Amino acid sequence: MQIKLVDLEKQYFRYKTEIDNELRRVISSTHFIQGPQVKAFESELSKFVNIPFCISCGNGTDALQIALMACELQENAEIIIPAFSYVAPLEAAAILKLKPVLIDSDPTSFNIDPLKIPPLITSQTRAIIAVHLFGQACDMATIKKLTEKTGIKIIEDNAQSLGSEHILKQEKVTTGSIGDISTTSFFPSKVLGCFGDGGAIFTADNNLAQKIKMIANHGQAQKYQHELVGVNSRLDTIQAAVLSVKLKYLAEDISKRQKAAEFYNEKFAGIEEIVTPAISSGNSHVFHQYTLRIKKKRNDLRKFLEENGIPSMIYYPVPLHLQKAYSYLGYKKGDFPVAEMLAEEVLSLPMHPDLNPEELSYIANKLLAFFKA
């Protein structure tokens, strides 16, 4: 049995006819940059997220950098960023010479612990990057309440949770529609992934949207008229065409992920050494990753699974405050105990819409066998 952590081949063959037709259409048109498919996809995705403006770009890290640039932050402005996350938010802030202020995570959701935000807010705090990790939203109601009347921008990093929902003021909203600006990634393994790199930025603010468009296009509103310092970050027409096909099936694919997660949860219930993913109150979870906490012998379990043909992944083995590149921030081991604990315990199992019952049973039974041995 050949099991993949993410099976992009099976996904492609499900949509092969539609995708191939769209690719041929783009290639025959030769509109490889900013072809009509790009604007069409932006419009479709804007409706999906339920937010007025969607601006596509080259990748998810560019999206974060452009979002921060659009906020017109001064050098050394403080940006609150989770210590347990992929490096991209921290990287974008560092490149722009902003001052990252790291924050610990909630051990249950893995997201920012909002109770730890107030002590970090100073007169120099200008933004919070709320990373919706592994497939569900941060506690955005609390984060918004804490930043009311402060001028602090909320930037949602929605790269891992596109399509998830969150209850805000007794209303169901989509992640990516809550903050001042939100970003996402279309890296191939994402819930909505393309055939290369891609990303997007969202906002409900028309002025911000126009600024973001300019920044992503060399700072120009008109060709050769550069009003802002910008970058060159575009979603290729070919990628937009692929994404438009996949977007039509995204809700269905998310449902399949959720059913696979339910199967795992049922099989692992009651095993003392395993903590299954918790869904926070008011949230839906799209399970970009199905991430367990393994209290004992995590690395031994991973080796056992590998020996039995089951891939797994540790997201993330080194928290951001212990990364060499960011030692200049002055953090040390012990500063973020939850992030450090998660780095020692998390393990992600295969998760994608094409996992079949035989594969799911094999994975779950092998994991159970390890703990019952």
Protein backbone atom coordinates (compact mmCIF):
# COMPACT_ATOMS: atom_id res chain seq x y z
CA MET A 1 0.00 0.00 0.00
CA GLN A 2 1.45 3.36 -1.05
CA ILE A 3 0.28 6.09 1.28
CA LYS A 4 1.16 9.75 0.77
CA LEU A 5 1.08 12.56 3.29
CA VAL A 6 -0.60 14.70 0.62
CA ASP A 7 -1.68 12.99 -2.60
CA LEU A 8 -1.57 15.63 -5.33
CA GLU A 9 -1.57 13.00 -8.07
CA LYS A 10 -4.97 11.61 -7.09
CA GLN A 11 -6.37 15.11 -6.78
CA TYR A 12 -5.13 16.05 -10.24
CA PHE A 13 -6.69 13.00 -11.85
CA ARG A 14 -10.06 13.82 -10.28
CA TYR A 15 -10.07 17.18 -12.07
CA LYS A 16 -7.82 16.25 -14.99
CA THR A 17 -10.21 16.93 -17.86
CA GLU A 18 -11.25 20.36 -16.58
CA ILE A 19 -7.73 21.40 -15.62
CA ASP A 20 -6.20 20.25 -18.90
CA ASN A 21 -8.85 22.15 -20.86
CA GLU A 22 -8.13 25.34 -18.90
CA LEU A 23 -4.37 24.93 -19.34
CA ARG A 24 -4.77 24.51 -23.09
CA ARG A 25 -6.92 27.64 -23.17
CA VAL A 26 -4.27 29.71 -21.43
CA ILE A 27 -1.41 28.33 -23.50
CA SER A 28 -3.18 28.92 -26.80
CA SER A 29 -4.05 32.47 -25.75
CA THR A 30 -0.40 33.17 -24.71
CA HIS A 31 -1.72 35.54 -21.98
CA PHE A 32 0.65 34.10 -19.39
CA ILE A 33 0.85 37.23 -17.23
CA GLN A 34 -2.33 38.94 -15.96
CA GLY A 35 -4.58 37.05 -18.35
CA PRO A 36 -8.36 37.22 -17.86
CA GLN A 37 -8.30 34.06 -15.73
CA VAL A 38 -6.48 35.97 -12.99
CA LYS A 39 -9.20 38.56 -12.50
CA ALA A 40 -11.88 35.88 -12.81
CA PHE A 41 -10.22 33.82 -10.07
CA GLU A 42 -9.80 36.85 -7.79
CA SER A 43 -13.51 37.56 -8.15
CA GLU A 44 -14.47 33.93 -7.44
CA LEU A 45 -12.23 33.72 -4.38
CA SER A 46 -13.46 37.07 -3.07
CA LYS A 47 -17.00 35.68 -3.11
CA PHE A 48 -15.88 32.46 -1.42
CA VAL A 49 -14.21 34.33 1.44
CA ASN A 50 -17.06 36.87 1.48
CA ILE A 51 -14.88 39.95 1.35
CA PRO A 52 -14.94 42.74 -1.27
CA PHE A 53 -11.33 42.76 -2.45
CA CYS A 54 -8.93 39.95 -3.37
CA ILE A 55 -5.53 40.73 -4.87
CA SER A 56 -3.49 37.74 -6.03
CA CYS A 57 0.30 37.63 -5.79
CA GLY A 58 3.32 35.39 -6.22
CA ASN A 59 3.20 33.39 -2.98
CA GLY A 60 2.01 33.45 0.62
CA THR A 61 5.18 35.03 2.01
CA ASP A 62 4.94 37.87 -0.53
CA ALA A 63 1.33 38.30 0.58
CA LEU A 64 2.44 38.85 4.19
CA GLN A 65 5.19 41.27 3.18
CA ILE A 66 2.86 43.27 0.92
CA ALA A 67 0.22 43.37 3.67
CA LEU A 68 2.76 44.81 6.11
CA MET A 69 4.01 47.29 3.50
CA ALA A 70 0.43 48.47 2.91
CA CYS A 71 0.14 49.30 6.62
CA GLU A 72 2.96 51.89 6.16
CA LEU A 73 4.73 50.89 9.35
CA GLN A 74 7.82 52.70 10.53
CA GLU A 75 11.10 50.86 11.11
CA ASN A 76 11.11 49.02 14.47
CA ALA A 77 7.33 49.14 14.79
CA GLU A 78 6.34 46.17 16.97
CA ILE A 79 4.48 43.25 15.38
CA ILE A 80 3.08 40.44 17.57
CA ILE A 81 3.72 37.04 15.96
CA PRO A 82 3.24 33.50 17.32
CA ALA A 83 6.39 31.62 18.33
CA PHE A 84 4.85 28.32 17.15
CA SER A 85 4.29 28.81 13.44
CA TYR A 86 5.92 28.57 10.06
CA VAL A 87 8.64 31.19 9.65
CA ALA A 88 6.94 33.31 6.94
CA PRO A 89 5.27 35.96 9.20
CA LEU A 90 8.49 36.48 11.15
CA GLU A 91 10.53 36.53 7.96
CA ALA A 92 8.33 39.20 6.35
CA ALA A 93 8.53 41.42 9.43
CA ALA A 94 12.31 41.04 9.67
CA ILE A 95 12.87 41.87 5.99
CA LEU A 96 10.97 45.14 6.49
CA LYS A 97 13.06 45.97 9.58
CA LEU A 98 10.07 45.80 11.88
CA LYS A 99 10.41 44.51 15.44
CA PRO A 100 8.86 41.06 15.91
CA VAL A 101 7.42 40.45 19.37
CA LEU A 102 6.78 36.74 19.82
CA ILE A 103 3.84 35.28 21.73
CA ASP A 104 3.16 31.81 23.10
CA SER A 105 0.41 29.47 21.94
CA ASP A 106 -2.67 27.90 23.43
CA PRO A 107 -1.82 24.20 24.05
CA THR A 108 -5.24 23.03 22.90
CA SER A 109 -5.79 24.93 19.64
CA PHE A 110 -2.06 25.58 18.86
CA ASN A 111 -3.06 29.14 17.91
CA ILE A 112 -2.10 32.43 19.60
CA ASP A 113 -3.11 32.46 23.28
CA PRO A 114 -5.09 35.74 23.41
CA LEU A 115 -4.68 35.97 27.19
CA LYS A 116 -0.97 36.57 26.59
CA ILE A 117 -1.55 39.55 24.28
CA PRO A 118 -2.21 42.39 26.79
CA PRO A 119 1.24 42.34 28.47
CA LEU A 120 2.88 42.57 25.04
CA ILE A 121 1.02 45.66 23.84
CA THR A 122 3.10 48.84 24.07
CA SER A 123 2.93 52.31 22.56
CA GLN A 124 4.96 50.88 19.64
CA THR A 125 2.65 47.94 18.84
CA ARG A 126 1.28 48.37 15.34
CA ALA A 127 0.00 44.95 14.24
CA ILE A 128 -0.83 41.40 15.25
CA ILE A 129 -0.37 38.60 12.75
CA ALA A 130 -2.99 36.01 13.70
CA VAL A 131 -1.87 32.72 12.16
CA HIS A 132 -4.83 30.35 11.77
CA LEU A 133 -2.79 27.21 12.28
CA PHE A 134 -3.46 23.74 10.83
CA GLY A 135 -7.04 24.51 9.74
CA GLN A 136 -8.97 26.60 12.25
CA ALA A 137 -9.27 30.22 13.31
CA CYS A 138 -7.59 31.95 16.21
CA ASP A 139 -9.88 33.42 18.90
CA MET A 140 -10.61 36.44 16.74
CA ALA A 141 -13.39 37.80 18.96
CA THR A 142 -10.94 38.23 21.83
CA ILE A 143 -8.16 39.55 19.60
CA LYS A 144 -10.47 42.15 18.06
CA LYS A 145 -11.73 43.21 21.49
CA LEU A 146 -8.17 43.63 22.77
CA THR A 147 -7.21 45.84 19.83
CA GLU A 148 -10.33 48.01 19.69
CA LYS A 149 -9.55 51.76 19.69
CA THR A 150 -5.78 51.10 19.68
CA GLY A 151 -5.08 51.48 15.95
CA ILE A 152 -3.37 48.08 16.00
CA LYS A 153 -3.88 46.32 12.67
CA ILE A 154 -5.01 42.69 12.60
CA ILE A 155 -3.43 40.69 9.78
CA GLU A 156 -4.82 37.18 9.34
CA ASP A 157 -2.40 34.58 8.01
CA ASN A 158 -4.98 32.26 6.50
CA ALA A 159 -2.57 30.08 4.50
CA GLN A 160 -3.58 26.92 6.38
CA SER A 161 -7.25 27.57 7.09
CA LEU A 162 -8.90 28.84 3.90
CA GLY A 163 -12.56 27.82 4.04
CA SER A 164 -12.82 27.51 7.81
CA GLU A 165 -15.49 29.41 9.74
CA HIS A 166 -15.63 31.24 13.04
CA ILE A 167 -18.46 32.66 15.14
CA LEU A 168 -18.00 36.40 15.64
CA LYS A 169 -20.69 38.49 17.35
CA GLN A 170 -23.11 35.55 17.00
CA GLU A 171 -22.54 35.52 13.23
CA LYS A 172 -20.73 32.85 11.23
CA VAL A 173 -17.85 34.40 9.28
CA THR A 174 -15.13 32.98 7.06
CA THR A 175 -11.50 33.17 8.08
CA GLY A 176 -9.82 35.79 5.96
CA SER A 177 -12.74 38.20 6.26
CA ILE A 178 -12.19 39.27 9.88
CA GLY A 179 -8.97 41.29 10.08
CA ASP A 180 -7.94 44.55 8.45
CA ILE A 181 -5.98 42.50 5.92
CA SER A 182 -5.67 38.77 5.42
CA THR A 183 -3.33 36.64 3.37
CA THR A 184 -3.23 33.12 2.01
CA SER A 185 -0.96 30.76 0.11
CA PHE A 186 -1.65 28.45 -2.81
CA PHE A 187 1.41 26.25 -2.26
CA PRO A 188 0.49 22.88 -3.83
CA SER A 189 -0.13 21.09 -0.50
CA LYS A 190 -2.57 23.72 0.81
CA VAL A 191 -6.30 23.09 1.09
CA LEU A 192 -6.54 25.12 -2.13
CA GLY A 193 -3.24 24.62 -3.93
CA CYS A 194 -1.95 25.42 -7.39
CA PHE A 195 0.72 23.76 -9.55
CA GLY A 196 3.51 26.02 -8.29
CA ASP A 197 3.63 29.08 -6.10
CA GLY A 198 0.83 31.56 -5.55
CA GLY A 199 -0.83 33.70 -2.91
CA ALA A 200 -3.49 36.31 -2.29
CA ILE A 201 -4.33 39.26 -0.06
CA PHE A 202 -7.83 40.25 1.08
CA THR A 203 -9.36 43.37 2.58
CA ALA A 204 -12.72 45.09 2.90
CA ASP A 205 -11.07 48.53 2.71
CA ASN A 206 -11.06 50.01 -0.79
CA ASN A 207 -8.12 52.35 -0.05
CA LEU A 208 -6.03 49.49 1.31
CA ALA A 209 -6.98 47.34 -1.68
CA GLN A 210 -5.77 49.96 -4.15
CA LYS A 211 -2.53 50.36 -2.21
CA ILE A 212 -1.98 46.59 -2.14
CA LYS A 213 -2.55 46.35 -5.90
CA MET A 214 0.03 49.06 -6.48
CA ILE A 215 2.62 47.57 -4.14
CA ALA A 216 2.31 44.14 -5.78
CA ASN A 217 2.81 45.78 -9.19
CA HIS A 218 6.05 47.74 -8.66
CA GLY A 219 4.20 50.48 -6.77
CA GLN A 220 2.41 51.69 -9.87
CA ALA A 221 -1.22 52.45 -10.57
CA GLN A 222 -0.37 53.26 -14.19
CA LYS A 223 2.49 51.85 -16.20
CA TYR A 224 5.73 53.70 -15.48
CA GLN A 225 4.07 55.89 -12.85
CA HIS A 226 5.55 54.62 -9.56
CA GLU A 227 3.80 56.23 -6.61
CA LEU A 228 4.93 53.77 -3.93
CA VAL A 229 7.91 51.54 -3.27
CA GLY A 230 6.65 48.20 -4.51
CA VAL A 231 7.58 44.66 -5.45
CA ASN A 232 6.94 42.41 -8.42
CA SER A 233 4.57 39.70 -7.19
CA ARG A 234 2.03 38.21 -9.57
CA LEU A 235 -0.06 35.06 -9.81
CA ASP A 236 0.59 33.45 -13.19
CA THR A 237 -2.41 33.01 -15.47
CA ILE A 238 -1.79 29.26 -15.62
CA GLN A 239 -1.98 29.02 -11.82
CA ALA A 240 -5.16 31.12 -11.73
CA ALA A 241 -6.77 28.76 -14.24
CA VAL A 242 -5.87 25.70 -12.14
CA LEU A 243 -7.12 27.36 -8.96
CA SER A 244 -10.44 28.32 -10.52
CA VAL A 245 -11.14 24.66 -11.27
CA LYS A 246 -10.11 23.52 -7.80
CA LEU A 247 -12.08 26.28 -6.07
CA LYS A 248 -15.31 24.83 -7.45
CA TYR A 249 -14.67 21.64 -5.46
CA LEU A 250 -13.11 23.18 -2.35
CA ALA A 251 -16.17 22.81 -0.10
CA GLU A 252 -16.45 19.14 -1.12
CA ASP A 253 -12.76 18.54 -0.51
CA ILE A 254 -12.97 20.16 2.94
CA SER A 255 -15.88 17.88 3.81
CA LYS A 256 -13.78 14.84 2.87
CA ARG A 257 -10.94 16.08 5.07
CA GLN A 258 -13.35 16.54 7.97
CA LYS A 259 -14.71 13.00 7.57
CA ALA A 260 -11.17 11.59 7.55
CA ALA A 261 -10.41 13.55 10.74
CA GLU A 262 -13.58 12.21 12.38
CA PHE A 263 -12.43 8.66 11.58
CA TYR A 264 -9.02 9.29 13.13
CA ASN A 265 -10.59 10.91 16.21
CA GLU A 266 -12.88 7.95 16.83
CA LYS A 267 -10.05 5.43 16.47
CA PHE A 268 -7.71 7.31 18.82
CA ALA A 269 -10.27 8.18 21.49
CA GLY A 270 -9.23 6.98 24.93
CA ILE A 271 -5.55 6.41 24.14
CA GLU A 272 -3.75 8.16 26.98
CA GLU A 273 -0.61 8.99 25.01
CA ILE A 274 -2.54 10.67 22.16
CA VAL A 275 -4.20 14.09 22.20
CA THR A 276 -6.41 14.47 19.12
CA PRO A 277 -6.98 17.89 17.50
CA ALA A 278 -9.44 20.05 19.43
CA ILE A 279 -11.93 22.23 17.59
CA SER A 280 -12.38 25.50 19.45
CA SER A 281 -15.91 26.61 20.33
CA GLY A 282 -17.56 28.38 17.40
CA ASN A 283 -14.99 27.13 14.89
CA SER A 284 -15.06 24.76 11.97
CA HIS A 285 -11.79 23.00 11.10
CA VAL A 286 -10.67 22.34 7.52
CA PHE A 287 -7.77 20.05 8.58
CA HIS A 288 -5.02 21.35 6.37
CA GLN A 289 -3.05 19.17 8.76
CA TYR A 290 -4.32 16.47 11.09
CA THR A 291 -1.95 17.12 13.98
CA LEU A 292 -1.78 15.01 17.12
CA ARG A 293 0.08 15.62 20.33
CA ILE A 294 2.03 12.50 21.21
CA LYS A 295 2.90 12.67 24.91
CA LYS A 296 5.45 9.86 24.89
CA LYS A 297 7.84 8.42 22.30
CA ARG A 298 6.83 10.77 19.46
CA ASN A 299 10.04 10.18 17.52
CA ASP A 300 9.89 6.42 18.07
CA LEU A 301 6.32 6.42 16.77
CA ARG A 302 7.34 8.36 13.69
CA LYS A 303 10.10 5.84 12.95
CA PHE A 304 7.63 2.96 13.44
CA LEU A 305 5.14 4.52 11.06
CA GLU A 306 7.85 5.06 8.45
CA GLU A 307 8.92 1.43 8.72
CA ASN A 308 5.30 0.50 7.96
CA GLY A 309 5.01 2.74 4.90
CA ILE A 310 3.17 5.59 6.62
CA PRO A 311 4.59 9.10 6.15
CA SER A 312 4.23 11.69 8.90
CA MET A 313 5.57 15.18 9.52
CA ILE A 314 6.55 17.37 12.46
CA TYR A 315 5.16 20.89 12.06
CA TYR A 316 7.26 22.51 13.57
CA PRO A 317 10.31 20.89 15.22
CA VAL A 318 12.00 24.16 16.26
CA PRO A 319 9.91 27.11 17.51
CA LEU A 320 10.73 30.48 16.02
CA HIS A 321 12.44 31.94 19.08
CA LEU A 322 15.07 29.19 18.92
CA GLN A 323 15.88 29.62 15.23
CA LYS A 324 19.45 30.81 14.61
CA ALA A 325 18.44 33.49 12.10
CA TYR A 326 16.33 35.24 14.75
CA SER A 327 18.65 34.94 17.74
CA TYR A 328 19.13 38.72 17.49
CA LEU A 329 15.66 39.11 19.01
CA GLY A 330 17.15 38.03 22.34
CA TYR A 331 14.79 35.17 23.19
CA LYS A 332 16.06 32.01 24.89
CA LYS A 333 14.94 28.48 25.65
CA GLY A 334 12.15 28.54 28.22
CA ASP A 335 10.67 31.87 27.09
CA PHE A 336 7.73 30.19 25.32
CA PRO A 337 7.08 26.90 27.14
CA VAL A 338 3.94 25.94 25.22
CA ALA A 339 5.62 26.44 21.84
CA GLU A 340 8.56 24.34 23.05
CA MET A 341 6.24 21.61 24.36
CA LEU A 342 4.34 21.51 21.05
CA ALA A 343 7.58 21.25 19.10
CA GLU A 344 8.41 18.14 21.15
CA GLU A 345 4.98 16.51 20.86
CA VAL A 346 3.20 17.35 17.58
CA LEU A 347 2.94 14.83 14.77
CA SER A 348 0.87 15.22 11.60
CA LEU A 349 -0.62 12.16 9.91
CA PRO A 350 -1.58 11.80 6.23
CA MET A 351 -4.46 14.15 5.44
CA HIS A 352 -5.99 14.85 2.06
CA PRO A 353 -9.41 14.47 0.37
CA ASP A 354 -8.48 11.22 -1.39
CA LEU A 355 -7.71 9.06 1.65
CA ASN A 356 -9.84 5.93 1.28
CA PRO A 357 -11.26 3.77 4.10
CA GLU A 358 -8.59 1.08 3.63
CA GLU A 359 -5.77 3.62 3.96
CA LEU A 360 -7.34 5.32 6.97
CA SER A 361 -7.82 2.00 8.74
CA TYR A 362 -4.28 0.91 8.01
CA ILE A 363 -2.82 4.17 9.35
CA ALA A 364 -4.95 4.19 12.48
CA ASN A 365 -4.44 0.50 13.27
CA LYS A 366 -0.67 0.75 12.94
CA LEU A 367 -0.57 3.74 15.26
CA LEU A 368 -2.75 1.93 17.80
CA ALA A 369 -0.55 -1.15 17.54
CA PHE A 370 2.48 0.92 18.52
CA PHE A 371 0.90 2.01 21.79
CA LYS A 372 -0.57 -1.41 22.58
CA ALA A 373 2.70 -3.25 22.01
